[in-house]
Amino acid sequence: MKKWLVASIVCSVLILPMGAWGADSGLPDAVPSDLPFPAGASLDVTTSPMSGGKQYVVSFSFSGDADAVYENFKKYAASHGYEIGMETDHRFASTQGPSRKGLTVTVRDMGPVSIGTVSVLVPSN
């Protein structure tokens, strides 16, 4: 079963070059196209319906400074009207911003490769 699960995850990865954001980027329209993903990041986008809205999760991997990437996301949040509701030493930020959209960012340094997730919660109208 674990072999099947790994194969399923590998098959769902969508790799997008940095700078390809916009209408043809592969990101759902509800995910801000100007999020500061690091150059060369590999992205995997999933969408989940939730009570009262939809959640979009963009998982990404990259090489480079995880702290700098996290700080770029914090600066993005602050400059786009999001308020950080909780932050821990694990580099986790949860925010709520314009149009009641929620934004959660996690970035982890895993050695030679770092990983992150950006979750955008969009309430129903």
PDB file of N, CA and C in Angstrom:
ATOM      1  N   MET A   1       0.812  -1.192   0.000  1.00  0.00           N
ATOM      2  CA  MET A   1       0.000   0.000   0.000  1.00  0.00           C
ATOM      3  C   MET A   1       0.858   1.259   0.000  1.00  0.00           C
ATOM      4  N   LYS A   2       1.953   1.268   0.714  1.00  0.00           N
ATOM      5  CA  LYS A   2       2.809   2.442   0.734  1.00  0.00           C
ATOM      6  C   LYS A   2       3.396   2.722  -0.645  1.00  0.00           C
ATOM      7  N   LYS A   3       3.734   1.679  -1.399  1.00  0.00           N
ATOM      8  CA  LYS A   3       4.263   1.894  -2.741  1.00  0.00           C
ATOM      9  C   LYS A   3       3.228   2.579  -3.613  1.00  0.00           C
ATOM     10  N   TRP A   4       1.971   2.191  -3.501  1.00  0.00           N
ATOM     11  CA  TRP A   4       0.909   2.813  -4.295  1.00  0.00           C
ATOM     12  C   TRP A   4       0.714   4.263  -3.888  1.00  0.00           C
ATOM     13  N   LEU A   5       0.753   4.534  -2.596  1.00  0.00           N
ATOM     14  CA  LEU A   5       0.574   5.893  -2.107  1.00  0.00           C
ATOM     15  C   LEU A   5       1.674   6.806  -2.627  1.00  0.00           C
ATOM     16  N   VAL A   6       2.917   6.362  -2.582  1.00  0.00           N
ATOM     17  CA  VAL A   6       4.031   7.161  -3.085  1.00  0.00           C
ATOM     18  C   VAL A   6       3.855   7.409  -4.575  1.00  0.00           C
ATOM     19  N   ALA A   7       3.477   6.392  -5.326  1.00  0.00           N
ATOM     20  CA  ALA A   7       3.271   6.558  -6.768  1.00  0.00           C
ATOM     21  C   ALA A   7       2.162   7.562  -7.037  1.00  0.00           C
ATOM     22  N   SER A   8       1.112   7.536  -6.241  1.00  0.00           N
ATOM     23  CA  SER A   8       0.009   8.469  -6.409  1.00  0.00           C
ATOM     24  C   SER A   8       0.465   9.907  -6.170  1.00  0.00           C
ATOM     25  N   ILE A   9       1.269  10.126  -5.151  1.00  0.00           N
ATOM     26  CA  ILE A   9       1.762  11.466  -4.843  1.00  0.00           C
ATOM     27  C   ILE A   9       2.696  11.952  -5.940  1.00  0.00           C
ATOM     28  N   VAL A  10       3.590  11.102  -6.406  1.00  0.00           N
ATOM     29  CA  VAL A  10       4.531  11.490  -7.445  1.00  0.00           C
ATOM     30  C   VAL A  10       3.789  11.860  -8.723  1.00  0.00           C
ATOM     31  N   CYS A  11       2.754  11.134  -9.060  1.00  0.00           N
ATOM     32  CA  CYS A  11       2.010  11.394 -10.292  1.00  0.00           C
ATOM     33  C   CYS A  11       1.222  12.694 -10.235  1.00  0.00           C
ATOM     34  N   SER A  12       0.947  13.217  -9.045  1.00  0.00           N
ATOM     35  CA  SER A  12       0.137  14.423  -8.940  1.00  0.00           C
ATOM     36  C   SER A  12       0.956  15.706  -8.935  1.00  0.00           C
ATOM     37  N   VAL A  13       2.270  15.623  -8.994  1.00  0.00           N
ATOM     38  CA  VAL A  13       3.106  16.816  -8.919  1.00  0.00           C
ATOM     39  C   VAL A  13       3.019  17.619 -10.215  1.00  0.00           C
ATOM     40  N   LEU A  14       2.805  18.907 -10.073  1.00  0.00           N
ATOM     41  CA  LEU A  14       2.756  19.834 -11.187  1.00  0.00           C
ATOM     42  C   LEU A  14       3.960  20.746 -11.046  1.00  0.00           C
ATOM     43  N   ILE A  15       4.871  20.713 -12.014  1.00  0.00           N
ATOM     44  CA  ILE A  15       6.080  21.522 -11.936  1.00  0.00           C
ATOM     45  C   ILE A  15       5.898  22.734 -12.836  1.00  0.00           C
ATOM     46  N   LEU A  16       6.035  23.914 -12.222  1.00  0.00           N
ATOM     47  CA  LEU A  16       5.873  25.166 -12.954  1.00  0.00           C
ATOM     48  C   LEU A  16       7.137  25.993 -12.806  1.00  0.00           C
ATOM     49  N   PRO A  17       7.637  26.565 -13.883  1.00  0.00           N
ATOM     50  CA  PRO A  17       8.810  27.431 -13.763  1.00  0.00           C
ATOM     51  C   PRO A  17       8.447  28.746 -13.090  1.00  0.00           C
ATOM     52  N   MET A  18       9.372  29.317 -12.338  1.00  0.00           N
ATOM     53  CA  MET A  18       9.149  30.601 -11.687  1.00  0.00           C
ATOM     54  C   MET A  18       8.917  31.652 -12.765  1.00  0.00           C
ATOM     55  N   GLY A  19       8.002  32.543 -12.519  1.00  0.00           N
ATOM     56  CA  GLY A  19       7.708  33.586 -13.471  1.00  0.00           C
ATOM     57  C   GLY A  19       6.579  33.212 -14.415  1.00  0.00           C
ATOM     58  N   ALA A  20       6.013  32.020 -14.265  1.00  0.00           N
ATOM     59  CA  ALA A  20       4.944  31.587 -15.159  1.00  0.00           C
ATOM     60  C   ALA A  20       3.576  31.916 -14.594  1.00  0.00           C
ATOM     61  N   TRP A  21       3.510  32.672 -13.504  1.00  0.00           N
ATOM     62  CA  TRP A  21       2.222  32.941 -12.879  1.00  0.00           C
ATOM     63  C   TRP A  21       1.359  33.773 -13.788  1.00  0.00           C
ATOM     64  N   GLY A  22       0.063  33.676 -13.570  1.00  0.00           N
ATOM     65  CA  GLY A  22      -0.895  34.410 -14.369  1.00  0.00           C
ATOM     66  C   GLY A  22      -1.982  33.466 -14.835  1.00  0.00           C
ATOM     67  N   ALA A  23      -2.711  33.858 -15.841  1.00  0.00           N
ATOM     68  CA  ALA A  23      -3.867  33.083 -16.287  1.00  0.00           C
ATOM     69  C   ALA A  23      -3.495  31.680 -16.723  1.00  0.00           C
ATOM     70  N   ASP A  24      -2.308  31.482 -17.274  1.00  0.00           N
ATOM     71  CA  ASP A  24      -1.913  30.169 -17.773  1.00  0.00           C
ATOM     72  C   ASP A  24      -0.937  29.453 -16.838  1.00  0.00           C
ATOM     73  N   SER A  25      -0.846  29.858 -15.583  1.00  0.00           N
ATOM     74  CA  SER A  25       0.165  29.322 -14.681  1.00  0.00           C
ATOM     75  C   SER A  25      -0.171  27.957 -14.129  1.00  0.00           C
ATOM     76  N   GLY A  26      -1.431  27.559 -14.149  1.00  0.00           N
ATOM     77  CA  GLY A  26      -1.822  26.314 -13.520  1.00  0.00           C
ATOM     78  C   GLY A  26      -2.304  26.528 -12.090  1.00  0.00           C
ATOM     79  N   LEU A  27      -2.096  27.714 -11.531  1.00  0.00           N
ATOM     80  CA  LEU A  27      -2.624  28.022 -10.207  1.00  0.00           C
ATOM     81  C   LEU A  27      -4.099  28.381 -10.346  1.00  0.00           C
ATOM     82  N   PRO A  28      -4.940  27.927  -9.425  1.00  0.00           N
ATOM     83  CA  PRO A  28      -6.351  28.327  -9.467  1.00  0.00           C
ATOM     84  C   PRO A  28      -6.471  29.850  -9.352  1.00  0.00           C
ATOM     85  N   ASP A  29      -7.507  30.406  -9.947  1.00  0.00           N
ATOM     86  CA  ASP A  29      -7.705  31.855  -9.915  1.00  0.00           C
ATOM     87  C   ASP A  29      -7.778  32.408  -8.493  1.00  0.00           C
ATOM     88  N   ALA A  30      -8.267  31.625  -7.544  1.00  0.00           N
ATOM     89  CA  ALA A  30      -8.416  32.098  -6.167  1.00  0.00           C
ATOM     90  C   ALA A  30      -7.080  32.207  -5.426  1.00  0.00           C
ATOM     91  N   VAL A  31      -6.023  31.581  -5.960  1.00  0.00           N
ATOM     92  CA  VAL A  31      -4.702  31.660  -5.343  1.00  0.00           C
ATOM     93  C   VAL A  31      -3.996  32.885  -5.921  1.00  0.00           C
ATOM     94  N   PRO A  32      -3.569  33.807  -5.057  1.00  0.00           N
ATOM     95  CA  PRO A  32      -2.911  35.014  -5.568  1.00  0.00           C
ATOM     96  C   PRO A  32      -1.718  34.656  -6.468  1.00  0.00           C
ATOM     97  N   SER A  33      -1.689  35.257  -7.644  1.00  0.00           N
ATOM     98  CA  SER A  33      -0.644  34.931  -8.618  1.00  0.00           C
ATOM     99  C   SER A  33       0.702  35.559  -8.275  1.00  0.00           C
ATOM    100  N   ASP A  34       0.715  36.494  -7.314  1.00  0.00           N
ATOM    101  CA  ASP A  34       1.966  37.162  -6.963  1.00  0.00           C
ATOM    102  C   ASP A  34       2.588  36.646  -5.662  1.00  0.00           C
ATOM    103  N   LEU A  35       2.158  35.479  -5.204  1.00  0.00           N
ATOM    104  CA  LEU A  35       2.790  34.897  -4.016  1.00  0.00           C
ATOM    105  C   LEU A  35       4.284  34.694  -4.297  1.00  0.00           C
ATOM    106  N   PRO A  36       5.144  34.945  -3.312  1.00  0.00           N
ATOM    107  CA  PRO A  36       6.594  34.921  -3.557  1.00  0.00           C
ATOM    108  C   PRO A  36       7.223  33.526  -3.465  1.00  0.00           C
ATOM    109  N   PHE A  37       6.784  32.612  -4.337  1.00  0.00           N
ATOM    110  CA  PHE A  37       7.428  31.301  -4.364  1.00  0.00           C
ATOM    111  C   PHE A  37       8.874  31.487  -4.810  1.00  0.00           C
ATOM    112  N   PRO A  38       9.802  30.698  -4.238  1.00  0.00           N
ATOM    113  CA  PRO A  38      11.208  30.848  -4.620  1.00  0.00           C
ATOM    114  C   PRO A  38      11.452  30.402  -6.064  1.00  0.00           C
ATOM    115  N   ALA A  39      12.440  30.997  -6.682  1.00  0.00           N
ATOM    116  CA  ALA A  39      12.810  30.642  -8.056  1.00  0.00           C
ATOM    117  C   ALA A  39      13.122  29.152  -8.132  1.00  0.00           C
ATOM    118  N   GLY A  40      12.604  28.501  -9.157  1.00  0.00           N
ATOM    119  CA  GLY A  40      12.880  27.086  -9.375  1.00  0.00           C
ATOM    120  C   GLY A  40      12.072  26.142  -8.515  1.00  0.00           C
ATOM    121  N   ALA A  41      11.122  26.659  -7.744  1.00  0.00           N
ATOM    122  CA  ALA A  41      10.327  25.793  -6.857  1.00  0.00           C
ATOM    123  C   ALA A  41       9.447  24.855  -7.681  1.00  0.00           C
ATOM    124  N   SER A  42       9.336  23.615  -7.217  1.00  0.00           N
ATOM    125  CA  SER A  42       8.404  22.651  -7.798  1.00  0.00           C
ATOM    126  C   SER A  42       7.106  22.751  -7.011  1.00  0.00           C
ATOM    127  N   LEU A  43       5.983  22.904  -7.706  1.00  0.00           N
ATOM    128  CA  LEU A  43       4.704  23.124  -7.047  1.00  0.00           C
ATOM    129  C   LEU A  43       3.748  21.964  -7.264  1.00  0.00           C
ATOM    130  N   ASP A  44       2.954  21.688  -6.232  1.00  0.00           N
ATOM    131  CA  ASP A  44       1.884  20.693  -6.296  1.00  0.00           C
ATOM    132  C   ASP A  44       0.642  21.374  -5.730  1.00  0.00           C
ATOM    133  N   VAL A  45      -0.399  21.508  -6.537  1.00  0.00           N
ATOM    134  CA  VAL A  45      -1.600  22.231  -6.135  1.00  0.00           C
ATOM    135  C   VAL A  45      -2.743  21.255  -5.906  1.00  0.00           C
ATOM    136  N   THR A  46      -3.399  21.358  -4.746  1.00  0.00           N
ATOM    137  CA  THR A  46      -4.596  20.562  -4.478  1.00  0.00           C
ATOM    138  C   THR A  46      -5.723  21.494  -4.047  1.00  0.00           C
ATOM    139  N   THR A  47      -6.937  21.085  -4.368  1.00  0.00           N
ATOM    140  CA  THR A  47      -8.131  21.868  -4.017  1.00  0.00           C
ATOM    141  C   THR A  47      -9.064  20.977  -3.219  1.00  0.00           C
ATOM    142  N   SER A  48      -9.593  21.505  -2.128  1.00  0.00           N
ATOM    143  CA  SER A  48     -10.516  20.743  -1.286  1.00  0.00           C
ATOM    144  C   SER A  48     -11.721  21.594  -0.938  1.00  0.00           C
ATOM    145  N   PRO A  49     -12.929  21.096  -1.226  1.00  0.00           N
ATOM    146  CA  PRO A  49     -14.111  21.813  -0.756  1.00  0.00           C
ATOM    147  C   PRO A  49     -14.203  21.687   0.763  1.00  0.00           C
ATOM    148  N   MET A  50     -14.618  22.749   1.407  1.00  0.00           N
ATOM    149  CA  MET A  50     -14.777  22.750   2.861  1.00  0.00           C
ATOM    150  C   MET A  50     -16.112  23.386   3.189  1.00  0.00           C
ATOM    151  N   SER A  51     -16.595  23.144   4.375  1.00  0.00           N
ATOM    152  CA  SER A  51     -17.815  23.785   4.820  1.00  0.00           C
ATOM    153  C   SER A  51     -17.583  25.293   4.801  1.00  0.00           C
ATOM    154  N   GLY A  52     -18.354  25.998   4.019  1.00  0.00           N
ATOM    155  CA  GLY A  52     -18.229  27.443   3.967  1.00  0.00           C
ATOM    156  C   GLY A  52     -17.201  27.962   2.979  1.00  0.00           C
ATOM    157  N   GLY A  53     -16.636  27.099   2.131  1.00  0.00           N
ATOM    158  CA  GLY A  53     -15.675  27.599   1.161  1.00  0.00           C
ATOM    159  C   GLY A  53     -14.832  26.517   0.523  1.00  0.00           C
ATOM    160  N   LYS A  54     -13.664  26.917   0.024  1.00  0.00           N
ATOM    161  CA  LYS A  54     -12.708  26.006  -0.593  1.00  0.00           C
ATOM    162  C   LYS A  54     -11.324  26.301  -0.049  1.00  0.00           C
ATOM    163  N   GLN A  55     -10.525  25.248   0.033  1.00  0.00           N
ATOM    164  CA  GLN A  55      -9.141  25.410   0.446  1.00  0.00           C
ATOM    165  C   GLN A  55      -8.236  24.980  -0.696  1.00  0.00           C
ATOM    166  N   TYR A  56      -7.277  25.837  -1.017  1.00  0.00           N
ATOM    167  CA  TYR A  56      -6.272  25.551  -2.032  1.00  0.00           C
ATOM    168  C   TYR A  56      -4.941  25.411  -1.311  1.00  0.00           C
ATOM    169  N   VAL A  57      -4.253  24.296  -1.527  1.00  0.00           N
ATOM    170  CA  VAL A  57      -2.958  24.066  -0.888  1.00  0.00           C
ATOM    171  C   VAL A  57      -1.908  23.920  -1.974  1.00  0.00           C
ATOM    172  N   VAL A  58      -0.887  24.767  -1.897  1.00  0.00           N
ATOM    173  CA  VAL A  58       0.237  24.690  -2.819  1.00  0.00           C
ATOM    174  C   VAL A  58       1.436  24.211  -2.009  1.00  0.00           C
ATOM    175  N   SER A  59       1.879  22.992  -2.286  1.00  0.00           N
ATOM    176  CA  SER A  59       3.083  22.455  -1.653  1.00  0.00           C
ATOM    177  C   SER A  59       4.247  22.732  -2.594  1.00  0.00           C
ATOM    178  N   PHE A  60       5.390  23.062  -2.035  1.00  0.00           N
ATOM    179  CA  PHE A  60       6.536  23.351  -2.893  1.00  0.00           C
ATOM    180  C   PHE A  60       7.838  22.906  -2.248  1.00  0.00           C
ATOM    181  N   SER A  61       8.807  22.601  -3.090  1.00  0.00           N
ATOM    182  CA  SER A  61      10.145  22.259  -2.624  1.00  0.00           C
ATOM    183  C   SER A  61      11.132  23.158  -3.353  1.00  0.00           C
ATOM    184  N   PHE A  62      12.256  23.448  -2.689  1.00  0.00           N
ATOM    185  CA  PHE A  62      13.238  24.369  -3.260  1.00  0.00           C
ATOM    186  C   PHE A  62      14.566  24.169  -2.558  1.00  0.00           C
ATOM    187  N   SER A  63      15.630  24.655  -3.168  1.00  0.00           N
ATOM    188  CA  SER A  63      16.908  24.712  -2.478  1.00  0.00           C
ATOM    189  C   SER A  63      17.198  26.177  -2.214  1.00  0.00           C
ATOM    190  N   GLY A  64      17.758  26.440  -1.083  1.00  0.00           N
ATOM    191  CA  GLY A  64      18.025  27.829  -0.719  1.00  0.00           C
ATOM    192  C   GLY A  64      17.707  28.070   0.742  1.00  0.00           C
ATOM    193  N   ASP A  65      17.682  29.329   1.099  1.00  0.00           N
ATOM    194  CA  ASP A  65      17.517  29.764   2.479  1.00  0.00           C
ATOM    195  C   ASP A  65      16.047  29.741   2.887  1.00  0.00           C
ATOM    196  N   ALA A  66      15.658  28.771   3.706  1.00  0.00           N
ATOM    197  CA  ALA A  66      14.268  28.628   4.137  1.00  0.00           C
ATOM    198  C   ALA A  66      13.815  29.841   4.949  1.00  0.00           C
ATOM    199  N   ASP A  67      14.690  30.392   5.773  1.00  0.00           N
ATOM    200  CA  ASP A  67      14.323  31.565   6.568  1.00  0.00           C
ATOM    201  C   ASP A  67      13.997  32.759   5.671  1.00  0.00           C
ATOM    202  N   ALA A  68      14.784  32.963   4.622  1.00  0.00           N
ATOM    203  CA  ALA A  68      14.548  34.076   3.703  1.00  0.00           C
ATOM    204  C   ALA A  68      13.228  33.893   2.961  1.00  0.00           C
ATOM    205  N   VAL A  69      12.930  32.673   2.554  1.00  0.00           N
ATOM    206  CA  VAL A  69      11.669  32.395   1.864  1.00  0.00           C
ATOM    207  C   VAL A  69      10.499  32.689   2.798  1.00  0.00           C
ATOM    208  N   TYR A  70      10.610  32.229   4.035  1.00  0.00           N
ATOM    209  CA  TYR A  70       9.549  32.490   5.015  1.00  0.00           C
ATOM    210  C   TYR A  70       9.351  33.990   5.228  1.00  0.00           C
ATOM    211  N   GLU A  71      10.444  34.731   5.373  1.00  0.00           N
ATOM    212  CA  GLU A  71      10.355  36.175   5.575  1.00  0.00           C
ATOM    213  C   GLU A  71       9.703  36.854   4.370  1.00  0.00           C
ATOM    214  N   ASN A  72       9.977  36.370   3.159  1.00  0.00           N
ATOM    215  CA  ASN A  72       9.332  36.931   1.962  1.00  0.00           C
ATOM    216  C   ASN A  72       7.820  36.734   2.018  1.00  0.00           C
ATOM    217  N   PHE A  73       7.378  35.564   2.492  1.00  0.00           N
ATOM    218  CA  PHE A  73       5.938  35.335   2.623  1.00  0.00           C
ATOM    219  C   PHE A  73       5.332  36.236   3.699  1.00  0.00           C
ATOM    220  N   LYS A  74       6.046  36.459   4.806  1.00  0.00           N
ATOM    221  CA  LYS A  74       5.545  37.366   5.845  1.00  0.00           C
ATOM    222  C   LYS A  74       5.416  38.789   5.305  1.00  0.00           C
ATOM    223  N   LYS A  75       6.411  39.235   4.554  1.00  0.00           N
ATOM    224  CA  LYS A  75       6.353  40.576   3.966  1.00  0.00           C
ATOM    225  C   LYS A  75       5.184  40.673   2.985  1.00  0.00           C
ATOM    226  N   TYR A  76       4.993  39.622   2.203  1.00  0.00           N
ATOM    227  CA  TYR A  76       3.869  39.593   1.263  1.00  0.00           C
ATOM    228  C   TYR A  76       2.556  39.745   2.033  1.00  0.00           C
ATOM    229  N   ALA A  77       2.394  38.950   3.093  1.00  0.00           N
ATOM    230  CA  ALA A  77       1.158  38.989   3.881  1.00  0.00           C
ATOM    231  C   ALA A  77       0.909  40.390   4.433  1.00  0.00           C
ATOM    232  N   ALA A  78       1.932  40.987   5.017  1.00  0.00           N
ATOM    233  CA  ALA A  78       1.786  42.317   5.609  1.00  0.00           C
ATOM    234  C   ALA A  78       1.444  43.371   4.559  1.00  0.00           C
ATOM    235  N   SER A  79       2.038  43.273   3.378  1.00  0.00           N
ATOM    236  CA  SER A  79       1.807  44.292   2.349  1.00  0.00           C
ATOM    237  C   SER A  79       0.501  44.082   1.580  1.00  0.00           C
ATOM    238  N   HIS A  80      -0.180  42.954   1.839  1.00  0.00           N
ATOM    239  CA  HIS A  80      -1.441  42.679   1.145  1.00  0.00           C
ATOM    240  C   HIS A  80      -2.636  42.613   2.097  1.00  0.00           C
ATOM    241  N   GLY A  81      -2.501  43.198   3.276  1.00  0.00           N
ATOM    242  CA  GLY A  81      -3.629  43.341   4.183  1.00  0.00           C
ATOM    243  C   GLY A  81      -3.944  42.137   5.054  1.00  0.00           C
ATOM    244  N   TYR A  82      -3.057  41.164   5.111  1.00  0.00           N
ATOM    245  CA  TYR A  82      -3.273  40.015   5.987  1.00  0.00           C
ATOM    246  C   TYR A  82      -2.725  40.330   7.375  1.00  0.00           C
ATOM    247  N   GLU A  83      -3.381  39.795   8.394  1.00  0.00           N
ATOM    248  CA  GLU A  83      -2.913  39.955   9.766  1.00  0.00           C
ATOM    249  C   GLU A  83      -2.450  38.599  10.269  1.00  0.00           C
ATOM    250  N   ILE A  84      -1.243  38.543  10.800  1.00  0.00           N
ATOM    251  CA  ILE A  84      -0.734  37.281  11.324  1.00  0.00           C
ATOM    252  C   ILE A  84      -1.449  36.996  12.631  1.00  0.00           C
ATOM    253  N   GLY A  85      -2.151  35.872  12.660  1.00  0.00           N
ATOM    254  CA  GLY A  85      -2.917  35.506  13.833  1.00  0.00           C
ATOM    255  C   GLY A  85      -2.134  34.640  14.796  1.00  0.00           C
ATOM    256  N   MET A  86      -1.168  33.877  14.277  1.00  0.00           N
ATOM    257  CA  MET A  86      -0.377  32.980  15.112  1.00  0.00           C
ATOM    258  C   MET A  86       0.945  32.722  14.409  1.00  0.00           C
ATOM    259  N   GLU A  87       2.011  32.704  15.176  1.00  0.00           N
ATOM    260  CA  GLU A  87       3.318  32.388  14.621  1.00  0.00           C
ATOM    261  C   GLU A  87       4.101  31.617  15.670  1.00  0.00           C
ATOM    262  N   THR A  88       4.786  30.568  15.228  1.00  0.00           N
ATOM    263  CA  THR A  88       5.600  29.771  16.144  1.00  0.00           C
ATOM    264  C   THR A  88       7.028  29.722  15.636  1.00  0.00           C
ATOM    265  N   ASP A  89       7.895  29.148  16.438  1.00  0.00           N
ATOM    266  CA  ASP A  89       9.295  29.030  16.040  1.00  0.00           C
ATOM    267  C   ASP A  89       9.491  27.999  14.930  1.00  0.00           C
ATOM    268  N   HIS A  90       8.421  27.329  14.540  1.00  0.00           N
ATOM    269  CA  HIS A  90       8.499  26.374  13.436  1.00  0.00           C
ATOM    270  C   HIS A  90       8.239  27.051  12.098  1.00  0.00           C
ATOM    271  N   ARG A  91       8.295  28.360  12.094  1.00  0.00           N
ATOM    272  CA  ARG A  91       8.072  29.156  10.893  1.00  0.00           C
ATOM    273  C   ARG A  91       6.679  28.937  10.313  1.00  0.00           C
ATOM    274  N   PHE A  92       5.688  29.088  11.145  1.00  0.00           N
ATOM    275  CA  PHE A  92       4.291  28.902  10.750  1.00  0.00           C
ATOM    276  C   PHE A  92       3.551  30.203  10.935  1.00  0.00           C
ATOM    277  N   ALA A  93       2.854  30.655   9.913  1.00  0.00           N
ATOM    278  CA  ALA A  93       2.068  31.884  10.047  1.00  0.00           C
ATOM    279  C   ALA A  93       0.657  31.627   9.549  1.00  0.00           C
ATOM    280  N   SER A  94      -0.313  32.073  10.293  1.00  0.00           N
ATOM    281  CA  SER A  94      -1.699  31.950   9.869  1.00  0.00           C
ATOM    282  C   SER A  94      -2.284  33.347   9.863  1.00  0.00           C
ATOM    283  N   THR A  95      -2.882  33.710   8.748  1.00  0.00           N
ATOM    284  CA  THR A  95      -3.365  35.073   8.614  1.00  0.00           C
ATOM    285  C   THR A  95      -4.749  35.099   7.996  1.00  0.00           C
ATOM    286  N   GLN A  96      -5.433  36.205   8.171  1.00  0.00           N
ATOM    287  CA  GLN A  96      -6.716  36.430   7.510  1.00  0.00           C
ATOM    288  C   GLN A  96      -6.647  37.811   6.893  1.00  0.00           C
ATOM    289  N   GLY A  97      -7.103  37.926   5.656  1.00  0.00           N
ATOM    290  CA  GLY A  97      -6.945  39.195   4.978  1.00  0.00           C
ATOM    291  C   GLY A  97      -8.160  39.638   4.204  1.00  0.00           C
ATOM    292  N   PRO A  98      -7.903  40.317   3.095  1.00  0.00           N
ATOM    293  CA  PRO A  98      -8.988  40.884   2.293  1.00  0.00           C
ATOM    294  C   PRO A  98     -10.019  39.832   1.900  1.00  0.00           C
ATOM    295  N   SER A  99     -11.254  40.227   1.851  1.00  0.00           N
ATOM    296  CA  SER A  99     -12.364  39.346   1.460  1.00  0.00           C
ATOM    297  C   SER A  99     -12.442  38.101   2.336  1.00  0.00           C
ATOM    298  N   ARG A 100     -11.962  38.199   3.566  1.00  0.00           N
ATOM    299  CA  ARG A 100     -11.984  37.096   4.540  1.00  0.00           C
ATOM    300  C   ARG A 100     -11.181  35.886   4.080  1.00  0.00           C
ATOM    301  N   LYS A 101     -10.305  36.030   3.100  1.00  0.00           N
ATOM    302  CA  LYS A 101      -9.454  34.922   2.672  1.00  0.00           C
ATOM    303  C   LYS A 101      -8.448  34.632   3.776  1.00  0.00           C
ATOM    304  N   GLY A 102      -8.256  33.351   4.062  1.00  0.00           N
ATOM    305  CA  GLY A 102      -7.245  32.948   5.023  1.00  0.00           C
ATOM    306  C   GLY A 102      -5.985  32.533   4.293  1.00  0.00           C
ATOM    307  N   LEU A 103      -4.829  32.792   4.865  1.00  0.00           N
ATOM    308  CA  LEU A 103      -3.547  32.430   4.283  1.00  0.00           C
ATOM    309  C   LEU A 103      -2.697  31.805   5.372  1.00  0.00           C
ATOM    310  N   THR A 104      -2.243  30.594   5.135  1.00  0.00           N
ATOM    311  CA  THR A 104      -1.371  29.908   6.086  1.00  0.00           C
ATOM    312  C   THR A 104      -0.103  29.498   5.356  1.00  0.00           C
ATOM    313  N   VAL A 105       1.050  29.766   5.949  1.00  0.00           N
ATOM    314  CA  VAL A 105       2.338  29.478   5.320  1.00  0.00           C
ATOM    315  C   VAL A 105       3.201  28.680   6.282  1.00  0.00           C
ATOM    316  N   THR A 106       3.785  27.607   5.776  1.00  0.00           N
ATOM    317  CA  THR A 106       4.736  26.814   6.545  1.00  0.00           C
ATOM    318  C   THR A 106       5.962  26.578   5.669  1.00  0.00           C
ATOM    319  N   VAL A 107       7.153  26.827   6.201  1.00  0.00           N
ATOM    320  CA  VAL A 107       8.393  26.574   5.475  1.00  0.00           C
ATOM    321  C   VAL A 107       9.328  25.832   6.412  1.00  0.00           C
ATOM    322  N   ARG A 108       9.906  24.735   5.923  1.00  0.00           N
ATOM    323  CA  ARG A 108      10.808  23.914   6.748  1.00  0.00           C
ATOM    324  C   ARG A 108      12.115  23.649   6.011  1.00  0.00           C
ATOM    325  N   ASP A 109      13.214  23.824   6.720  1.00  0.00           N
ATOM    326  CA  ASP A 109      14.540  23.507   6.199  1.00  0.00           C
ATOM    327  C   ASP A 109      14.796  22.024   6.434  1.00  0.00           C
ATOM    328  N   MET A 110      14.904  21.252   5.358  1.00  0.00           N
ATOM    329  CA  MET A 110      15.100  19.801   5.470  1.00  0.00           C
ATOM    330  C   MET A 110      16.505  19.394   5.042  1.00  0.00           C
ATOM    331  N   GLY A 111      17.459  20.318   5.092  1.00  0.00           N
ATOM    332  CA  GLY A 111      18.827  20.009   4.681  1.00  0.00           C
ATOM    333  C   GLY A 111      19.068  20.470   3.254  1.00  0.00           C
ATOM    334  N   PRO A 112      19.389  19.541   2.360  1.00  0.00           N
ATOM    335  CA  PRO A 112      19.681  19.956   0.985  1.00  0.00           C
ATOM    336  C   PRO A 112      18.453  20.488   0.231  1.00  0.00           C
ATOM    337  N   VAL A 113      17.261  20.118   0.670  1.00  0.00           N
ATOM    338  CA  VAL A 113      16.023  20.590   0.056  1.00  0.00           C
ATOM    339  C   VAL A 113      15.109  21.101   1.162  1.00  0.00           C
ATOM    340  N   SER A 114      14.478  22.224   0.913  1.00  0.00           N
ATOM    341  CA  SER A 114      13.498  22.752   1.859  1.00  0.00           C
ATOM    342  C   SER A 114      12.107  22.560   1.276  1.00  0.00           C
ATOM    343  N   ILE A 115      11.120  22.489   2.158  1.00  0.00           N
ATOM    344  CA  ILE A 115       9.742  22.295   1.716  1.00  0.00           C
ATOM    345  C   ILE A 115       8.854  23.363   2.338  1.00  0.00           C
ATOM    346  N   GLY A 116       7.741  23.624   1.676  1.00  0.00           N
ATOM    347  CA  GLY A 116       6.801  24.590   2.204  1.00  0.00           C
ATOM    348  C   GLY A 116       5.401  24.293   1.720  1.00  0.00           C
ATOM    349  N   THR A 117       4.441  24.870   2.415  1.00  0.00           N
ATOM    350  CA  THR A 117       3.047  24.815   1.972  1.00  0.00           C
ATOM    351  C   THR A 117       2.434  26.194   2.160  1.00  0.00           C
ATOM    352  N   VAL A 118       1.605  26.546   1.203  1.00  0.00           N
ATOM    353  CA  VAL A 118       0.810  27.764   1.285  1.00  0.00           C
ATOM    354  C   VAL A 118      -0.635  27.321   1.124  1.00  0.00           C
ATOM    355  N   SER A 119      -1.449  27.644   2.099  1.00  0.00           N
ATOM    356  CA  SER A 119      -2.854  27.277   2.080  1.00  0.00           C
ATOM    357  C   SER A 119      -3.687  28.551   1.995  1.00  0.00           C
ATOM    358  N   VAL A 120      -4.572  28.598   1.006  1.00  0.00           N
ATOM    359  CA  VAL A 120      -5.459  29.743   0.835  1.00  0.00           C
ATOM    360  C   VAL A 120      -6.896  29.246   1.050  1.00  0.00           C
ATOM    361  N   LEU A 121      -7.555  29.784   2.047  1.00  0.00           N
ATOM    362  CA  LEU A 121      -8.932  29.434   2.343  1.00  0.00           C
ATOM    363  C   LEU A 121      -9.843  30.534   1.821  1.00  0.00           C
ATOM    364  N   VAL A 122     -10.734  30.174   0.892  1.00  0.00           N
ATOM    365  CA  VAL A 122     -11.616  31.150   0.283  1.00  0.00           C
ATOM    366  C   VAL A 122     -13.052  30.854   0.718  1.00  0.00           C
ATOM    367  N   PRO A 123     -13.666  31.761   1.479  1.00  0.00           N
ATOM    368  CA  PRO A 123     -15.041  31.527   1.924  1.00  0.00           C
ATOM    369  C   PRO A 123     -16.018  31.634   0.759  1.00  0.00           C
ATOM    370  N   SER A 124     -17.137  30.919   0.883  1.00  0.00           N
ATOM    371  CA  SER A 124     -18.202  31.030  -0.112  1.00  0.00           C
ATOM    372  C   SER A 124     -18.851  32.393   0.008  1.00  0.00           C
ATOM    373  N   ASN A 125     -19.402  32.857  -1.064  1.00  0.00           N
ATOM    374  CA  ASN A 125     -20.094  34.160  -1.034  1.00  0.00           C
ATOM    375  C   ASN A 125     -21.461  34.035  -0.463  1.00  0.00           C
TER     376      ASN A 125
END
